[in-house]
Amino acid sequence: QVQLVESGGGLVKPGGSLRLSCVGSGSIFSTYFMGWYRQAPGKQRELVAAMTSGGATVYGDSVKGRFTISRDNVKNTMYLQMNSLKPEDTADYYCNARNLRPGGMEYWGKGTLVTVSS
């Protein structure tokens, strides 16, 4: 069973930065499609950023140019560097790992809360 554990959330002022980490058990980071999602109160969960096993990345429109996803396969850790944070970035942030093969498994972390407020 794969476990994903997020950390790094907290309270930050607008314009500030945070770096989220997601540590996973098992050697999934080199083969799975890894991503960060977020869910704000009353809103649907949305993609923030994702990375293929080959290193290609995709970002949600609202975070392009401000957030950067990266991965360390040796440490089984994925990161989300968040800069120029805005109040609308406030949400629970979730780590996701997905095997893209038909019938492949998908795993979620429990989330870490990011609050952007002055």
C-alpha atoms as a PDB file:
ATOM      1  CA  GLN A   1       0.000   0.000   0.000  1.00  0.00           C
ATOM      2  CA  VAL A   2       1.408   3.352  -1.045  1.00  0.00           C
ATOM      3  CA  GLN A   3       1.210   6.206   1.424  1.00  0.00           C
ATOM      4  CA  LEU A   4       1.627   9.856   0.553  1.00  0.00           C
ATOM      5  CA  VAL A   5       2.300  12.422   3.267  1.00  0.00           C
ATOM      6  CA  GLU A   6       2.211  16.139   2.589  1.00  0.00           C
ATOM      7  CA  SER A   7       3.905  18.814   4.663  1.00  0.00           C
ATOM      8  CA  GLY A   8       4.875  22.444   4.438  1.00  0.00           C
ATOM      9  CA  GLY A   9       1.513  24.144   4.605  1.00  0.00           C
ATOM     10  CA  GLY A  10       0.813  27.069   6.850  1.00  0.00           C
ATOM     11  CA  LEU A  11      -0.128  30.714   7.073  1.00  0.00           C
ATOM     12  CA  VAL A  12       1.638  33.130   4.757  1.00  0.00           C
ATOM     13  CA  LYS A  13       1.047  36.722   3.775  1.00  0.00           C
ATOM     14  CA  PRO A  14       0.111  37.703   0.239  1.00  0.00           C
ATOM     15  CA  GLY A  15       3.205  37.825  -1.925  1.00  0.00           C
ATOM     16  CA  GLY A  16       4.982  35.294   0.230  1.00  0.00           C
ATOM     17  CA  SER A  17       6.292  31.839  -0.576  1.00  0.00           C
ATOM     18  CA  LEU A  18       5.891  28.300   0.685  1.00  0.00           C
ATOM     19  CA  ARG A  19       7.306  24.961  -0.365  1.00  0.00           C
ATOM     20  CA  LEU A  20       5.156  21.889  -0.014  1.00  0.00           C
ATOM     21  CA  SER A  21       6.616  18.411   0.162  1.00  0.00           C
ATOM     22  CA  CYS A  22       5.053  15.038  -0.502  1.00  0.00           C
ATOM     23  CA  VAL A  23       6.887  11.965   0.712  1.00  0.00           C
ATOM     24  CA  GLY A  24       5.790   8.630  -0.664  1.00  0.00           C
ATOM     25  CA  SER A  25       6.375   5.076   0.394  1.00  0.00           C
ATOM     26  CA  GLY A  26       7.525   2.689  -2.244  1.00  0.00           C
ATOM     27  CA  SER A  27       9.326   3.478  -5.464  1.00  0.00           C
ATOM     28  CA  ILE A  28       6.439   5.132  -7.261  1.00  0.00           C
ATOM     29  CA  PHE A  29       7.929   8.506  -7.988  1.00  0.00           C
ATOM     30  CA  SER A  30       9.966   7.352 -10.955  1.00  0.00           C
ATOM     31  CA  THR A  31       7.071   5.602 -12.676  1.00  0.00           C
ATOM     32  CA  TYR A  32       3.836   7.279 -11.620  1.00  0.00           C
ATOM     33  CA  PHE A  33       2.150  10.439 -12.849  1.00  0.00           C
ATOM     34  CA  MET A  34       2.525  12.742  -9.842  1.00  0.00           C
ATOM     35  CA  GLY A  35       0.529  15.827  -9.113  1.00  0.00           C
ATOM     36  CA  TRP A  36      -0.627  18.470  -6.698  1.00  0.00           C
ATOM     37  CA  TYR A  37      -4.302  19.321  -6.409  1.00  0.00           C
ATOM     38  CA  ARG A  38      -6.092  21.785  -4.210  1.00  0.00           C
ATOM     39  CA  GLN A  39      -9.565  22.287  -2.860  1.00  0.00           C
ATOM     40  CA  ALA A  40     -10.879  25.497  -1.408  1.00  0.00           C
ATOM     41  CA  PRO A  41     -13.998  25.602   0.784  1.00  0.00           C
ATOM     42  CA  GLY A  42     -17.098  25.248  -1.341  1.00  0.00           C
ATOM     43  CA  LYS A  43     -15.143  24.552  -4.509  1.00  0.00           C
ATOM     44  CA  GLN A  44     -14.213  21.490  -6.492  1.00  0.00           C
ATOM     45  CA  ARG A  45     -10.772  19.960  -6.291  1.00  0.00           C
ATOM     46  CA  GLU A  46      -8.579  21.299  -9.087  1.00  0.00           C
ATOM     47  CA  LEU A  47      -5.249  20.473 -10.611  1.00  0.00           C
ATOM     48  CA  VAL A  48      -2.427  22.738  -9.503  1.00  0.00           C
ATOM     49  CA  ALA A  49       0.548  21.069 -11.160  1.00  0.00           C
ATOM     50  CA  ALA A  50       1.552  17.626 -12.349  1.00  0.00           C
ATOM     51  CA  MET A  51       4.591  15.831 -13.650  1.00  0.00           C
ATOM     52  CA  THR A  52       5.005  12.734 -15.797  1.00  0.00           C
ATOM     53  CA  SER A  53       7.574  10.075 -15.043  1.00  0.00           C
ATOM     54  CA  GLY A  54       9.621  11.569 -17.859  1.00  0.00           C
ATOM     55  CA  GLY A  55       9.658  14.986 -16.272  1.00  0.00           C
ATOM     56  CA  ALA A  56       7.108  16.815 -18.415  1.00  0.00           C
ATOM     57  CA  THR A  57       5.028  19.256 -16.406  1.00  0.00           C
ATOM     58  CA  VAL A  58       1.599  20.810 -16.600  1.00  0.00           C
ATOM     59  CA  TYR A  59       0.207  23.667 -14.534  1.00  0.00           C
ATOM     60  CA  GLY A  60      -3.191  25.082 -13.800  1.00  0.00           C
ATOM     61  CA  ASP A  61      -3.742  28.433 -15.489  1.00  0.00           C
ATOM     62  CA  SER A  62      -4.073  30.274 -12.199  1.00  0.00           C
ATOM     63  CA  VAL A  63      -0.616  29.236 -10.963  1.00  0.00           C
ATOM     64  CA  LYS A  64       1.467  29.388 -14.128  1.00  0.00           C
ATOM     65  CA  GLY A  65       4.600  31.421 -13.611  1.00  0.00           C
ATOM     66  CA  ARG A  66       4.236  31.351  -9.824  1.00  0.00           C
ATOM     67  CA  PHE A  67       4.381  27.668  -8.836  1.00  0.00           C
ATOM     68  CA  THR A  68       6.975  25.053  -9.711  1.00  0.00           C
ATOM     69  CA  ILE A  69       6.627  21.307  -9.353  1.00  0.00           C
ATOM     70  CA  SER A  70       9.677  19.105  -8.935  1.00  0.00           C
ATOM     71  CA  ARG A  71      10.512  15.597  -7.889  1.00  0.00           C
ATOM     72  CA  ASP A  72      13.409  13.748  -6.271  1.00  0.00           C
ATOM     73  CA  ASN A  73      13.073  10.088  -7.159  1.00  0.00           C
ATOM     74  CA  VAL A  74      15.884   9.039  -4.825  1.00  0.00           C
ATOM     75  CA  LYS A  75      14.152  10.626  -1.832  1.00  0.00           C
ATOM     76  CA  ASN A  76      10.672   9.592  -3.033  1.00  0.00           C
ATOM     77  CA  THR A  77       9.661  13.205  -2.573  1.00  0.00           C
ATOM     78  CA  MET A  78       7.724  15.661  -4.695  1.00  0.00           C
ATOM     79  CA  TYR A  79       7.779  19.388  -4.123  1.00  0.00           C
ATOM     80  CA  LEU A  80       5.628  22.358  -4.956  1.00  0.00           C
ATOM     81  CA  GLN A  81       7.386  25.697  -4.732  1.00  0.00           C
ATOM     82  CA  MET A  82       4.769  28.409  -4.437  1.00  0.00           C
ATOM     83  CA  ASN A  83       5.775  32.027  -4.944  1.00  0.00           C
ATOM     84  CA  SER A  84       3.812  35.265  -5.132  1.00  0.00           C
ATOM     85  CA  LEU A  85       1.007  33.692  -3.180  1.00  0.00           C
ATOM     86  CA  LYS A  86      -2.454  35.229  -3.361  1.00  0.00           C
ATOM     87  CA  PRO A  87      -5.426  34.941  -1.019  1.00  0.00           C
ATOM     88  CA  GLU A  88      -7.187  32.884  -3.678  1.00  0.00           C
ATOM     89  CA  ASP A  89      -4.471  30.250  -3.331  1.00  0.00           C
ATOM     90  CA  THR A  90      -5.885  29.415   0.091  1.00  0.00           C
ATOM     91  CA  ALA A  91      -6.906  25.757   0.045  1.00  0.00           C
ATOM     92  CA  ASP A  92      -6.104  22.262   1.171  1.00  0.00           C
ATOM     93  CA  TYR A  93      -3.334  20.932  -1.053  1.00  0.00           C
ATOM     94  CA  TYR A  94      -3.220  17.244  -1.891  1.00  0.00           C
ATOM     95  CA  CYS A  95      -0.543  15.025  -3.315  1.00  0.00           C
ATOM     96  CA  ASN A  96      -1.627  12.511  -5.941  1.00  0.00           C
ATOM     97  CA  ALA A  97       0.101   9.547  -7.542  1.00  0.00           C
ATOM     98  CA  ARG A  98      -1.458   7.790 -10.485  1.00  0.00           C
ATOM     99  CA  ASN A  99      -0.471   4.797 -12.569  1.00  0.00           C
ATOM    100  CA  LEU A 100      -1.675   5.718 -16.041  1.00  0.00           C
ATOM    101  CA  ARG A 101      -1.966   2.128 -17.261  1.00  0.00           C
ATOM    102  CA  PRO A 102      -5.552   0.816 -17.653  1.00  0.00           C
ATOM    103  CA  GLY A 103      -6.763  -0.192 -14.239  1.00  0.00           C
ATOM    104  CA  GLY A 104      -3.770   1.386 -12.603  1.00  0.00           C
ATOM    105  CA  MET A 105      -3.861   2.443  -8.977  1.00  0.00           C
ATOM    106  CA  GLU A 106      -4.294   5.983  -7.736  1.00  0.00           C
ATOM    107  CA  TYR A 107      -3.268   7.320  -4.338  1.00  0.00           C
ATOM    108  CA  TRP A 108      -3.991  10.509  -2.405  1.00  0.00           C
ATOM    109  CA  GLY A 109      -2.410  12.106   0.596  1.00  0.00           C
ATOM    110  CA  LYS A 110      -4.481  13.601   3.394  1.00  0.00           C
ATOM    111  CA  GLY A 111      -3.629  17.148   2.478  1.00  0.00           C
ATOM    112  CA  THR A 112      -1.914  20.164   3.947  1.00  0.00           C
ATOM    113  CA  LEU A 113      -3.614  23.499   4.482  1.00  0.00           C
ATOM    114  CA  VAL A 114      -2.261  26.653   2.914  1.00  0.00           C
ATOM    115  CA  THR A 115      -3.717  29.939   4.102  1.00  0.00           C
ATOM    116  CA  VAL A 116      -2.769  33.180   2.403  1.00  0.00           C
ATOM    117  CA  SER A 117      -3.887  36.136   4.461  1.00  0.00           C
ATOM    118  CA  SER A 118      -2.599  39.421   5.801  1.00  0.00           C
END
